[in-house]
Structures are given as structure tokens and as C-alpha cells.
């Protein structure tokens, strides 16, 4: 497998990953848990494919960066590899951007859940009797009481 084939494969996988991340963003917005779980599995599969491509690249080219590999190429192959490299770089940038948005949406949902749990669960209320001892019969102050 040469660098052009690797870049082509990497571009295809990253394009799929970007599509999944966009769908995941929509699922996060609409709170569709089933889709979110499904997209997590697909992302794991795509990450494995990216890792496999990277392993092959390291086997063939070692620690050389794309620019160093391109320096040893000429003509149309070099132009094609440069174009693919730019497209892969652009896809990686878009993936980071969408992933950051998804991360923000997840954090926002978690904050909302924490606030709702805090609001709905009983607070420990400490009330003292006139004797100075804690009154254990004091009712917790919350919207929902867990006692039956």
C-alpha cells in the first residue's frame, strides 16, 4: 500500500467519522439515547480503522511526516498526494470542531441533570431542639421525598 492509497483510505474513514459526528450532534440535541449509543459503537470501529492505517504507514515510512514523504515523490503522484493530504488535514480540523461541539452538548446535558437531581432530592436539614441536641424528626426540604 503506497501513501496515496493510505491517504485515500484515511480520507474515506475520516469522512465517515465526520458524518457520524454530525449525526451524533443531532442525536444529542434531540436526546436520542439509542442513536447516541449506536454512534459510539460506529466511532469505535472507525477509530480502529484509522489506527490500522496509521500502523501500516509507520511500517512503510517510519516516523516520516507527510512533507518528508512528498519530497521523495514527483509529478502527478506528488500532486495527488498533496491534495489528499490537504483534504485529510481539513477533515481532521472539521472533526475536532464538531467533536468540541458534541462535548459541549454532553457537558450541558450533564449539568442540567445534576441541577435537576439536586433540586429534586432531599436536602439534609439540621434543626436543633431547645436543649441543643439535633432534632432528627425535622423534615427534609425538597420537592420529592424518598420516604414511603
Protein backbone atom coordinates (compact mmCIF):
# COMPACT_ATOMS: atom_id res chain seq x y z
CA UNK A 1 0.00 0.00 0.00
CA UNK A 2 1.52 3.33 -1.04
CA UNK A 3 0.97 6.75 0.51
CA UNK A 4 -1.76 7.68 -2.00
CA UNK A 5 -3.77 4.58 -1.12
CA UNK A 6 -3.27 5.26 2.59
CA UNK A 7 -4.37 8.87 2.28
CA UNK A 8 -7.38 7.82 0.20
CA UNK A 9 -8.37 5.25 2.83
CA UNK A 10 -7.80 7.74 5.62
CA UNK A 11 -9.92 10.33 3.82
CA UNK A 12 -12.79 7.85 3.42
CA UNK A 13 -12.68 6.86 7.10
CA UNK A 14 -12.46 10.48 8.28
CA UNK A 15 -15.38 11.44 6.03
CA UNK A 16 -17.43 8.65 7.61
CA UNK A 17 -16.37 9.80 11.07
CA UNK A 18 -17.41 13.38 10.31
CA UNK A 19 -20.83 12.15 9.14
CA UNK A 20 -21.24 10.12 12.34
CA UNK A 21 -20.24 13.10 14.49
CA UNK A 22 -22.79 15.31 12.74
CA UNK A 23 -25.49 12.69 13.31
CA UNK A 24 -24.34 12.34 16.91
CA UNK A 25 -24.71 16.10 17.37
CA UNK A 26 -28.31 15.90 16.15
CA UNK A 27 -28.97 12.94 18.46
CA UNK A 28 -27.52 14.88 21.40
CA UNK A 29 -29.72 17.86 20.62
CA UNK A 30 -32.81 15.65 20.38
CA UNK A 31 -31.70 13.48 23.33
CA UNK A 32 -31.98 10.26 21.33
CA UNK A 33 -30.11 7.84 23.59
CA UNK A 34 -30.40 4.82 21.24
CA UNK A 35 -28.76 6.71 18.40
CA UNK A 36 -26.07 8.10 20.70
CA UNK A 37 -25.13 4.57 21.80
CA UNK A 38 -25.15 3.36 18.18
CA UNK A 39 -22.87 6.21 17.11
CA UNK A 40 -20.43 5.42 19.92
CA UNK A 41 -20.01 1.91 18.52
CA UNK A 42 -19.53 3.21 14.98
CA UNK A 43 -16.94 5.71 16.20
CA UNK A 44 -15.00 2.88 17.89
CA UNK A 45 -14.98 0.91 14.63
CA UNK A 46 -13.78 3.92 12.64
CA UNK A 47 -11.08 4.69 15.20
CA UNK A 48 -9.79 1.14 14.81
CA UNK A 49 -9.63 1.59 11.03
CA UNK A 50 -7.70 4.85 11.48
CA UNK A 51 -5.30 3.10 13.87
CA UNK A 52 -4.78 0.28 11.34
CA UNK A 53 -3.97 2.75 8.54
CA UNK A 54 -1.53 4.57 10.83
CA UNK A 55 0.20 1.30 11.75
CA UNK A 56 0.68 0.48 8.06
CA UNK A 57 2.03 3.99 7.43
CA UNK A 58 4.55 3.60 10.23
CA UNK A 59 5.63 0.19 8.95
CA UNK A 60 6.34 1.62 5.50
CA UNK A 61 7.54 5.14 6.29
CA UNK A 62 8.58 5.10 9.94
CA UNK A 63 8.34 8.45 11.68
CA UNK A 64 8.46 10.47 8.45
CA UNK A 65 5.90 13.23 8.18
CA UNK A 66 3.85 13.65 5.00
CA UNK A 67 6.03 16.54 3.83
CA UNK A 68 9.12 14.32 4.03
CA UNK A 69 7.35 11.57 2.10
CA UNK A 70 6.19 14.07 -0.53
CA UNK A 71 9.76 15.32 -1.00
CA UNK A 72 10.66 11.89 -2.38
CA UNK A 73 7.77 11.93 -4.88
CA UNK A 74 7.44 13.58 -8.29
CA UNK A 75 4.82 14.53 -10.86
CA UNK A 76 1.17 13.61 -10.68
CA UNK A 77 1.65 11.25 -7.74
CA UNK A 78 3.08 14.09 -5.67
CA UNK A 79 0.25 16.45 -6.66
CA UNK A 80 -2.37 13.83 -5.87
CA UNK A 81 -0.76 13.02 -2.50
CA UNK A 82 -0.53 16.76 -1.64
CA UNK A 83 -4.19 17.24 -2.49
CA UNK A 84 -5.23 14.20 -0.45
CA UNK A 85 -3.05 15.36 2.44
CA UNK A 86 -4.76 18.77 2.44
CA UNK A 87 -8.19 17.15 2.34
CA UNK A 88 -7.31 14.83 5.24
CA UNK A 89 -6.00 17.79 7.23
CA UNK A 90 -9.19 19.76 6.56
CA UNK A 91 -11.33 16.77 7.59
CA UNK A 92 -9.32 16.39 10.80
CA UNK A 93 -9.90 20.08 11.60
CA UNK A 94 -13.67 19.71 10.99
CA UNK A 95 -13.77 16.58 13.15
CA UNK A 96 -12.11 18.39 16.05
CA UNK A 97 -14.57 21.27 15.69
CA UNK A 98 -17.68 19.03 15.65
CA UNK A 99 -16.28 16.87 18.44
CA UNK A 100 -15.84 20.00 20.60
CA UNK A 101 -19.46 20.97 19.94
CA UNK A 102 -20.64 17.47 20.89
CA UNK A 103 -18.52 17.61 24.03
CA UNK A 104 -20.14 20.92 24.97
CA UNK A 105 -23.62 19.48 24.40
CA UNK A 106 -22.83 16.48 26.59
CA UNK A 107 -21.48 18.71 29.37
CA UNK A 108 -24.55 20.94 29.12
CA UNK A 109 -26.85 17.91 29.45
CA UNK A 110 -24.89 16.61 32.43
CA UNK A 111 -25.09 20.00 34.16
CA UNK A 112 -28.83 20.06 33.59
CA UNK A 113 -29.23 16.54 35.00
CA UNK A 114 -27.11 17.38 38.04
CA UNK A 115 -29.16 20.51 38.70
CA UNK A 116 -32.43 18.59 38.41
CA UNK A 117 -31.20 15.84 40.73
CA UNK A 118 -30.03 18.44 43.22
CA UNK A 119 -33.39 20.20 43.04
CA UNK A 120 -35.45 17.03 43.37
CA UNK A 121 -33.55 15.17 46.10
CA UNK A 122 -33.98 15.91 49.80
CA UNK A 123 -31.52 18.21 51.46
CA UNK A 124 -30.18 17.32 54.86
CA UNK A 125 -31.72 19.79 57.25
CA UNK A 126 -30.21 20.23 60.67
CA UNK A 127 -32.63 21.59 63.27
CA UNK A 128 -31.68 21.97 66.90
CA UNK A 129 -34.06 21.45 69.82
CA UNK A 130 -34.15 23.90 72.68
CA UNK A 131 -31.89 21.52 74.56
CA UNK A 132 -29.16 21.98 71.94
CA UNK A 133 -29.49 18.46 70.55
CA UNK A 134 -30.21 17.72 66.89
CA UNK A 135 -33.88 17.20 66.11
CA UNK A 136 -33.94 14.03 63.97
CA UNK A 137 -37.65 14.44 63.21
CA UNK A 138 -37.06 17.54 61.08
CA UNK A 139 -38.50 17.06 57.61
CA UNK A 140 -36.12 17.35 54.65
CA UNK A 141 -36.79 20.24 52.34
CA UNK A 142 -37.21 19.05 48.77
CA UNK A 143 -39.75 18.56 46.05
CA UNK A 144 -39.51 14.77 46.20
CA UNK A 145 -39.17 12.78 49.39
CA UNK A 146 -37.80 9.24 49.11
CA UNK A 147 -39.57 8.00 52.23
CA UNK A 148 -42.64 5.80 51.89
